[in-house]
N, C-alpha and C. Protein backbone atom coordinates (compact mmCIF):
# COMPACT_ATOMS: atom_id res chain seq x y z
N MET A 1 93.48 21.70 195.44
CA MET A 1 93.86 20.61 194.50
C MET A 1 92.36 19.74 194.22
N SER A 2 92.08 19.52 192.91
CA SER A 2 90.90 18.82 192.52
C SER A 2 91.26 17.51 192.95
N GLU A 3 90.29 16.46 192.81
CA GLU A 3 90.38 15.03 193.22
C GLU A 3 91.24 14.32 192.16
N TYR A 4 91.24 14.83 191.00
CA TYR A 4 91.97 14.40 189.77
C TYR A 4 93.51 14.61 189.64
N THR A 5 93.88 15.59 190.69
CA THR A 5 95.27 16.11 190.35
C THR A 5 96.56 14.88 190.80
N LEU A 6 96.36 14.02 191.81
CA LEU A 6 96.86 12.91 192.12
C LEU A 6 97.07 12.05 190.89
N LEU A 7 95.87 11.64 190.42
CA LEU A 7 95.58 10.75 189.33
C LEU A 7 96.47 11.34 188.10
N ILE A 8 96.43 12.74 187.86
CA ILE A 8 97.18 13.00 186.56
C ILE A 8 98.77 13.24 186.80
N ILE A 9 99.03 13.57 187.97
CA ILE A 9 100.47 13.44 188.33
C ILE A 9 101.07 11.98 188.20
N VAL A 10 100.53 10.98 188.70
CA VAL A 10 100.92 9.71 188.72
C VAL A 10 101.00 9.08 187.05
N THR A 11 99.85 9.50 186.42
CA THR A 11 99.85 9.36 184.91
C THR A 11 100.94 9.78 184.13
N VAL A 12 101.35 10.97 184.42
CA VAL A 12 102.24 11.79 183.72
C VAL A 12 103.75 11.06 184.04
N VAL A 13 103.90 10.77 185.46
CA VAL A 13 105.18 10.17 185.72
C VAL A 13 105.28 8.78 185.49
N GLY A 14 104.05 8.17 185.33
CA GLY A 14 104.18 6.47 184.78
C GLY A 14 104.55 6.59 183.15
N PHE A 15 104.02 7.55 182.64
CA PHE A 15 104.18 7.53 181.04
C PHE A 15 105.77 7.95 180.91
N PHE A 16 106.38 8.87 181.52
CA PHE A 16 107.70 9.21 181.18
C PHE A 16 108.64 8.07 181.82
N ALA A 17 108.20 7.37 182.71
CA ALA A 17 108.86 6.21 183.16
C ALA A 17 108.88 5.11 182.04
N LEU A 18 107.76 4.75 181.73
CA LEU A 18 107.50 4.01 180.60
C LEU A 18 108.45 4.18 179.40
N ALA A 19 108.18 5.48 179.14
CA ALA A 19 109.12 5.94 177.80
C ALA A 19 110.41 6.00 178.03
N ALA A 20 110.98 6.26 179.10
CA ALA A 20 112.58 5.98 179.46
C ALA A 20 112.74 4.56 179.22
N ALA A 21 111.97 3.74 179.97
CA ALA A 21 112.37 2.33 180.32
C ALA A 21 112.28 1.66 178.88
N LEU A 22 111.46 2.12 177.66
CA LEU A 22 111.63 1.58 176.56
C LEU A 22 112.61 2.19 175.54
N LEU A 23 112.87 3.46 175.79
CA LEU A 23 113.75 4.06 174.83
C LEU A 23 115.29 4.15 175.07
N VAL A 24 115.51 3.96 176.51
CA VAL A 24 116.97 3.92 176.93
C VAL A 24 117.61 2.70 176.42
N PRO A 25 117.29 1.53 176.42
CA PRO A 25 118.08 0.55 175.89
C PRO A 25 118.08 0.56 174.30
N VAL A 26 117.14 1.33 173.43
CA VAL A 26 117.39 1.51 171.98
C VAL A 26 118.42 2.29 171.72
N TRP A 27 118.56 3.58 172.48
CA TRP A 27 119.60 4.68 172.61
C TRP A 27 120.85 4.06 172.61
N LYS A 28 121.04 3.14 173.79
CA LYS A 28 122.21 2.48 174.03
C LYS A 28 122.93 1.61 173.00
N PHE A 29 121.80 0.76 172.43
CA PHE A 29 122.09 0.02 171.27
C PHE A 29 122.58 0.58 170.01
N LEU A 30 121.90 1.89 169.63
CA LEU A 30 122.17 2.59 168.48
C LEU A 30 123.56 3.33 168.63
N ARG A 31 123.94 3.62 170.04
CA ARG A 31 125.14 4.34 170.17
C ARG A 31 126.21 3.33 170.02
N ARG A 32 126.06 2.10 170.59
CA ARG A 32 127.17 0.84 170.21
C ARG A 32 127.09 0.50 168.84
N GLU A 33 126.03 0.64 168.09
CA GLU A 33 126.22 0.15 166.85
C GLU A 33 126.88 1.10 165.86
N GLU A 34 126.85 2.86 166.25
CA GLU A 34 127.47 3.69 165.62
C GLU A 34 128.97 3.72 165.96
N GLN A 35 129.29 3.28 167.24
CA GLN A 35 130.96 3.11 167.76
C GLN A 35 131.61 1.85 166.91
N PHE A 36 130.77 0.80 166.61
CA PHE A 36 131.08 -0.37 165.88
C PHE A 36 131.37 0.16 164.16
N ASN A 37 130.44 0.93 163.87
CA ASN A 37 130.51 1.19 162.46
C ASN A 37 131.82 2.21 162.24
N GLN A 38 131.96 3.03 163.16
CA GLN A 38 133.17 4.04 162.99
C GLN A 38 134.61 2.97 163.41
N GLU A 39 134.44 2.11 164.08
CA GLU A 39 135.79 1.30 164.25
C GLU A 39 136.11 0.35 162.97
N THR A 40 134.87 0.04 162.54
CA THR A 40 135.01 -0.87 161.21
C THR A 40 135.27 -0.23 159.77
N ASP A 41 134.84 1.08 160.02
CA ASP A 41 134.95 2.04 158.61
C ASP A 41 136.59 2.09 158.43
N GLY A 42 137.11 2.43 159.59
CA GLY A 42 138.52 2.65 159.06
C GLY A 42 139.26 1.21 158.53
N PHE A 43 138.76 0.16 159.23
CA PHE A 43 139.20 -1.03 158.85
C PHE A 43 139.01 -1.48 157.37
N LEU A 44 137.78 -1.01 157.05
CA LEU A 44 137.29 -1.41 155.63
C LEU A 44 138.16 -0.70 154.39
N ARG A 45 138.26 0.74 155.09
CA ARG A 45 138.92 1.56 154.09
C ARG A 45 140.37 1.18 154.00
N ASP A 46 141.08 0.72 155.04
CA ASP A 46 142.53 0.27 154.65
C ASP A 46 142.36 -1.08 153.97
N GLU A 47 141.55 -1.97 154.10
CA GLU A 47 141.46 -3.15 153.37
C GLU A 47 141.35 -2.74 152.06
N LEU A 48 140.44 -1.89 151.43
CA LEU A 48 140.34 -1.39 150.20
C LEU A 48 141.32 -0.94 149.58
N ALA A 49 141.99 -0.14 150.34
CA ALA A 49 143.42 0.49 149.90
C ALA A 49 144.37 -0.47 149.53
N ARG A 50 144.53 -1.45 150.38
CA ARG A 50 145.52 -2.74 150.40
C ARG A 50 145.25 -3.41 148.97
N ARG A 51 143.94 -3.64 148.75
CA ARG A 51 143.45 -4.53 147.64
C ARG A 51 143.56 -3.87 146.31
N ARG A 52 143.29 -2.49 146.28
CA ARG A 52 143.85 -1.69 145.12
C ARG A 52 145.22 -1.64 144.90
N ALA A 53 146.02 -1.46 145.92
CA ALA A 53 147.45 -1.43 145.73
C ALA A 53 147.93 -2.82 145.26
N ARG A 54 147.66 -3.81 145.93
CA ARG A 54 147.92 -4.99 145.30
C ARG A 54 147.54 -5.47 143.93
N ARG A 55 146.32 -4.92 143.55
CA ARG A 55 145.87 -5.03 142.23
C ARG A 55 146.69 -4.17 141.17
N LEU A 56 146.96 -2.94 141.67
CA LEU A 56 147.68 -1.96 140.70
C LEU A 56 149.07 -2.61 140.53
N ARG A 57 149.63 -3.23 141.68
CA ARG A 57 151.10 -3.62 141.76
C ARG A 57 151.14 -4.91 140.70
N ASP A 58 150.04 -5.86 140.79
CA ASP A 58 149.98 -7.03 139.92
C ASP A 58 149.54 -6.98 138.55
N GLY A 59 149.05 -5.51 138.24
CA GLY A 59 148.65 -5.30 137.00
C GLY A 59 147.23 -5.85 136.62
N ASN A 60 146.43 -6.29 137.51
CA ASN A 60 145.23 -6.88 137.40
C ASN A 60 144.06 -5.60 137.68
N HIS A 61 143.83 -4.75 136.70
CA HIS A 61 143.00 -3.79 136.85
C HIS A 61 141.68 -3.99 136.55
N ASP A 62 141.34 -5.17 136.22
CA ASP A 62 139.82 -5.47 136.17
C ASP A 62 139.39 -6.47 137.07
N GLN A 63 139.94 -6.84 137.93
CA GLN A 63 139.52 -7.26 139.32
C GLN A 63 138.33 -6.41 139.86
N ASP A 64 137.58 -6.96 140.67
CA ASP A 64 136.65 -6.21 141.45
C ASP A 64 137.41 -6.11 142.90
N ASP A 65 136.90 -5.41 143.92
CA ASP A 65 137.50 -5.26 145.05
C ASP A 65 136.86 -6.45 146.15
N GLY A 66 136.08 -7.76 145.66
CA GLY A 66 135.74 -8.75 146.46
C GLY A 66 134.60 -8.21 147.31
N GLY A 67 133.80 -7.51 146.80
CA GLY A 67 132.42 -7.03 147.57
C GLY A 67 132.31 -5.96 148.56
N ILE A 68 133.84 -5.38 148.62
CA ILE A 68 133.61 -4.32 149.52
C ILE A 68 133.74 -3.09 148.99
N ALA A 69 132.45 -2.35 149.26
CA ALA A 69 132.13 -1.32 148.64
C ALA A 69 132.78 0.07 149.19
N GLU A 70 133.15 0.97 148.78
CA GLU A 70 133.67 2.36 148.99
C GLU A 70 133.01 2.91 150.15
N PRO A 71 133.64 3.39 151.07
CA PRO A 71 132.87 4.07 152.33
C PRO A 71 132.12 5.30 151.83
N VAL A 72 131.09 5.61 152.45
CA VAL A 72 130.33 7.04 152.09
C VAL A 72 130.59 8.02 152.76
N GLY A 73 131.01 9.11 152.57
CA GLY A 73 131.25 10.13 153.38
C GLY A 73 132.72 10.44 153.50
């Protein structure tokens, strides 16, 4: 082994440790946000359906839905 082998190994291990330390919290945050969005998407879809049903029942076809956009997908 050459004199630089240990330095190369330590550098590679350090690089991957630093990458993991920086990316794991971001990955966990994105996973929590995705879960939150899935939970609220169902709620917003139900709320939109309730508002539409109430609007149709009351005969107010020209009112908007109060700022709730249609879920995409």
